Amino acid sequence: MTQAQSMPAMSKEMQDCVAACMECHSVCEETMSACMQMGGQAQMQIMRALMDCAETTRMCADMMMRRSPMSAEMCAMCAKACEMCAEACMSMPDDPQLMRCAQACRRCAETCRAMAGMTM
């Protein structure tokens, strides 16, 4: 019986990207809950963006942690979902939760764009 090969340690950049994805996922989930309490038809576009972003960031972090060969492509898609979500959140600049979410999305998009350009 042979021992499984251990994976090389994640780079600092990858660790930062995973952390940004997980933070963004968490903030998107919190923001969805806040939006559901607000109600209103205008929230539907924001809710869709939040759902897409929450799912994409979670999947992106998972793929990086398991060193998927598709991580770079997923990071590029994640950056796009995060930017779309940030824009949707910015449509209500007076809401502190939506502004917090927009900031988390922008941070995540930035780290994901950097990872999308790297070999993983």
C-alpha atoms as a PDB file:
ATOM      1  CA  MET A   1       0.000   0.000   0.000  1.00  0.00           C
ATOM      2  CA  THR A   2       1.415   3.397  -0.982  1.00  0.00           C
ATOM      3  CA  GLN A   3       0.898   6.599   0.885  1.00  0.00           C
ATOM      4  CA  ALA A   4      -1.045   9.299  -0.959  1.00  0.00           C
ATOM      5  CA  GLN A   5       1.048  12.181  -2.186  1.00  0.00           C
ATOM      6  CA  SER A   6       0.455  15.360  -0.243  1.00  0.00           C
ATOM      7  CA  MET A   7      -0.603  18.478  -2.074  1.00  0.00           C
ATOM      8  CA  PRO A   8       1.816  21.374  -2.137  1.00  0.00           C
ATOM      9  CA  ALA A   9       0.899  24.208   0.192  1.00  0.00           C
ATOM     10  CA  MET A  10      -1.344  26.904  -1.236  1.00  0.00           C
ATOM     11  CA  SER A  11       0.399  30.110  -2.209  1.00  0.00           C
ATOM     12  CA  LYS A  12      -0.300  33.242  -0.190  1.00  0.00           C
ATOM     13  CA  GLU A  13      -2.223  34.637  -3.171  1.00  0.00           C
ATOM     14  CA  MET A  14      -4.413  31.551  -3.369  1.00  0.00           C
ATOM     15  CA  GLN A  15      -5.025  31.597   0.392  1.00  0.00           C
ATOM     16  CA  ASP A  16      -6.031  35.264   0.145  1.00  0.00           C
ATOM     17  CA  CYS A  17      -8.361  34.502  -2.747  1.00  0.00           C
ATOM     18  CA  VAL A  18     -10.018  31.597  -0.914  1.00  0.00           C
ATOM     19  CA  ALA A  19     -10.486  33.839   2.144  1.00  0.00           C
ATOM     20  CA  ALA A  20     -11.963  36.634   0.000  1.00  0.00           C
ATOM     21  CA  CYS A  21     -14.336  34.154  -1.664  1.00  0.00           C
ATOM     22  CA  MET A  22     -15.510  32.766   1.663  1.00  0.00           C
ATOM     23  CA  GLU A  23     -15.989  36.265   3.119  1.00  0.00           C
ATOM     24  CA  CYS A  24     -17.914  37.351   0.024  1.00  0.00           C
ATOM     25  CA  HIS A  25     -20.077  34.215   0.175  1.00  0.00           C
ATOM     26  CA  SER A  26     -20.919  34.900   3.809  1.00  0.00           C
ATOM     27  CA  VAL A  27     -21.734  38.573   3.242  1.00  0.00           C
ATOM     28  CA  CYS A  28     -23.903  37.725   0.211  1.00  0.00           C
ATOM     29  CA  GLU A  29     -25.879  35.221   2.291  1.00  0.00           C
ATOM     30  CA  GLU A  30     -26.374  37.813   5.059  1.00  0.00           C
ATOM     31  CA  THR A  31     -27.417  40.405   2.494  1.00  0.00           C
ATOM     32  CA  MET A  32     -29.955  38.034   0.922  1.00  0.00           C
ATOM     33  CA  SER A  33     -31.558  37.625   4.313  1.00  0.00           C
ATOM     34  CA  ALA A  34     -31.672  41.404   4.804  1.00  0.00           C
ATOM     35  CA  CYS A  35     -33.192  41.897   1.337  1.00  0.00           C
ATOM     36  CA  MET A  36     -35.883  39.294   1.986  1.00  0.00           C
ATOM     37  CA  GLN A  37     -36.914  41.226   5.074  1.00  0.00           C
ATOM     38  CA  MET A  38     -37.120  44.452   3.047  1.00  0.00           C
ATOM     39  CA  GLY A  39     -39.298  42.947   0.328  1.00  0.00           C
ATOM     40  CA  GLY A  40     -40.262  44.892  -2.767  1.00  0.00           C
ATOM     41  CA  GLN A  41     -39.965  44.178  -6.470  1.00  0.00           C
ATOM     42  CA  ALA A  42     -36.792  46.256  -6.916  1.00  0.00           C
ATOM     43  CA  GLN A  43     -34.933  43.714  -4.794  1.00  0.00           C
ATOM     44  CA  MET A  44     -35.409  40.893  -7.338  1.00  0.00           C
ATOM     45  CA  GLN A  45     -32.477  41.968  -9.521  1.00  0.00           C
ATOM     46  CA  ILE A  46     -30.305  42.357  -6.429  1.00  0.00           C
ATOM     47  CA  MET A  47     -31.425  38.965  -5.089  1.00  0.00           C
ATOM     48  CA  ARG A  48     -30.519  37.214  -8.337  1.00  0.00           C
ATOM     49  CA  ALA A  49     -27.061  38.817  -8.320  1.00  0.00           C
ATOM     50  CA  LEU A  50     -26.574  37.890  -4.647  1.00  0.00           C
ATOM     51  CA  MET A  51     -27.564  34.262  -5.284  1.00  0.00           C
ATOM     52  CA  ASP A  52     -25.262  33.961  -8.297  1.00  0.00           C
ATOM     53  CA  CYS A  53     -22.395  35.551  -6.392  1.00  0.00           C
ATOM     54  CA  ALA A  54     -22.879  33.454  -3.243  1.00  0.00           C
ATOM     55  CA  GLU A  55     -22.894  30.192  -5.202  1.00  0.00           C
ATOM     56  CA  THR A  56     -20.018  31.171  -7.474  1.00  0.00           C
ATOM     57  CA  THR A  57     -17.745  32.292  -4.642  1.00  0.00           C
ATOM     58  CA  ARG A  58     -18.380  29.113  -2.665  1.00  0.00           C
ATOM     59  CA  MET A  59     -17.649  26.934  -5.683  1.00  0.00           C
ATOM     60  CA  CYS A  60     -14.570  28.956  -6.578  1.00  0.00           C
ATOM     61  CA  ALA A  61     -13.107  28.553  -3.071  1.00  0.00           C
ATOM     62  CA  ASP A  62     -13.865  24.820  -3.139  1.00  0.00           C
ATOM     63  CA  MET A  63     -12.157  24.373  -6.507  1.00  0.00           C
ATOM     64  CA  MET A  64      -9.051  26.260  -5.424  1.00  0.00           C
ATOM     65  CA  MET A  65      -8.779  24.276  -2.189  1.00  0.00           C
ATOM     66  CA  ARG A  66      -8.862  20.980  -4.073  1.00  0.00           C
ATOM     67  CA  ARG A  67      -6.505  22.358  -6.757  1.00  0.00           C
ATOM     68  CA  SER A  68      -8.946  21.786  -9.596  1.00  0.00           C
ATOM     69  CA  PRO A  69      -7.371  22.222 -13.037  1.00  0.00           C
ATOM     70  CA  MET A  70     -10.373  24.459 -13.844  1.00  0.00           C
ATOM     71  CA  SER A  71      -9.663  26.898 -10.996  1.00  0.00           C
ATOM     72  CA  ALA A  72      -8.374  29.693 -13.229  1.00  0.00           C
ATOM     73  CA  GLU A  73     -11.511  29.614 -15.373  1.00  0.00           C
ATOM     74  CA  MET A  74     -13.687  29.491 -12.264  1.00  0.00           C
ATOM     75  CA  CYS A  75     -11.826  32.481 -10.799  1.00  0.00           C
ATOM     76  CA  ALA A  76     -12.514  34.458 -13.982  1.00  0.00           C
ATOM     77  CA  MET A  77     -16.226  33.606 -13.791  1.00  0.00           C
ATOM     78  CA  CYS A  78     -16.271  34.391 -10.085  1.00  0.00           C
ATOM     79  CA  ALA A  79     -14.742  37.822 -10.685  1.00  0.00           C
ATOM     80  CA  LYS A  80     -17.498  38.567 -13.198  1.00  0.00           C
ATOM     81  CA  ALA A  81     -20.259  37.405 -10.824  1.00  0.00           C
ATOM     82  CA  CYS A  82     -18.762  39.500  -8.015  1.00  0.00           C
ATOM     83  CA  GLU A  83     -18.602  42.622 -10.177  1.00  0.00           C
ATOM     84  CA  MET A  84     -22.223  42.141 -11.276  1.00  0.00           C
ATOM     85  CA  CYS A  85     -23.287  41.710  -7.659  1.00  0.00           C
ATOM     86  CA  ALA A  86     -21.348  44.787  -6.548  1.00  0.00           C
ATOM     87  CA  GLU A  87     -23.080  46.831  -9.251  1.00  0.00           C
ATOM     88  CA  ALA A  88     -26.504  45.539  -8.203  1.00  0.00           C
ATOM     89  CA  CYS A  89     -25.774  46.357  -4.552  1.00  0.00           C
ATOM     90  CA  MET A  90     -24.626  49.858  -5.512  1.00  0.00           C
ATOM     91  CA  SER A  91     -28.137  50.545  -6.828  1.00  0.00           C
ATOM     92  CA  MET A  92     -29.127  51.213  -3.187  1.00  0.00           C
ATOM     93  CA  PRO A  93     -26.236  53.346  -1.880  1.00  0.00           C
ATOM     94  CA  ASP A  94     -28.080  54.327   1.307  1.00  0.00           C
ATOM     95  CA  ASP A  95     -28.254  50.751   2.577  1.00  0.00           C
ATOM     96  CA  PRO A  96     -25.221  49.927   4.778  1.00  0.00           C
ATOM     97  CA  GLN A  97     -25.580  46.146   4.331  1.00  0.00           C
ATOM     98  CA  LEU A  98     -25.652  46.451   0.547  1.00  0.00           C
ATOM     99  CA  MET A  99     -22.607  48.734   0.627  1.00  0.00           C
ATOM    100  CA  ARG A 100     -20.766  46.227   2.842  1.00  0.00           C
ATOM    101  CA  CYS A 101     -21.653  43.516   0.340  1.00  0.00           C
ATOM    102  CA  ALA A 102     -20.481  45.624  -2.610  1.00  0.00           C
ATOM    103  CA  GLN A 103     -17.111  46.111  -0.895  1.00  0.00           C
ATOM    104  CA  ALA A 104     -16.721  42.369  -0.215  1.00  0.00           C
ATOM    105  CA  CYS A 105     -17.652  41.617  -3.827  1.00  0.00           C
ATOM    106  CA  ARG A 106     -15.127  44.098  -5.200  1.00  0.00           C
ATOM    107  CA  ARG A 107     -12.347  42.680  -2.982  1.00  0.00           C
ATOM    108  CA  CYS A 108     -13.205  39.161  -4.099  1.00  0.00           C
ATOM    109  CA  ALA A 109     -13.339  40.171  -7.771  1.00  0.00           C
ATOM    110  CA  GLU A 110      -9.892  41.723  -7.486  1.00  0.00           C
ATOM    111  CA  THR A 111      -8.306  38.608  -5.955  1.00  0.00           C
ATOM    112  CA  CYS A 112     -10.103  36.317  -8.391  1.00  0.00           C
ATOM    113  CA  ARG A 113      -8.918  38.341 -11.400  1.00  0.00           C
ATOM    114  CA  ALA A 114      -5.367  38.015 -10.101  1.00  0.00           C
ATOM    115  CA  MET A 115      -5.767  34.247  -9.649  1.00  0.00           C
ATOM    116  CA  ALA A 116      -7.365  33.839 -13.076  1.00  0.00           C
ATOM    117  CA  GLY A 117      -4.152  35.146 -14.587  1.00  0.00           C
ATOM    118  CA  MET A 118      -1.931  32.769 -12.607  1.00  0.00           C
ATOM    119  CA  THR A 119      -1.089  29.143 -13.199  1.00  0.00           C
ATOM    120  CA  MET A 120      -2.556  27.143 -10.323  1.00  0.00           C
END
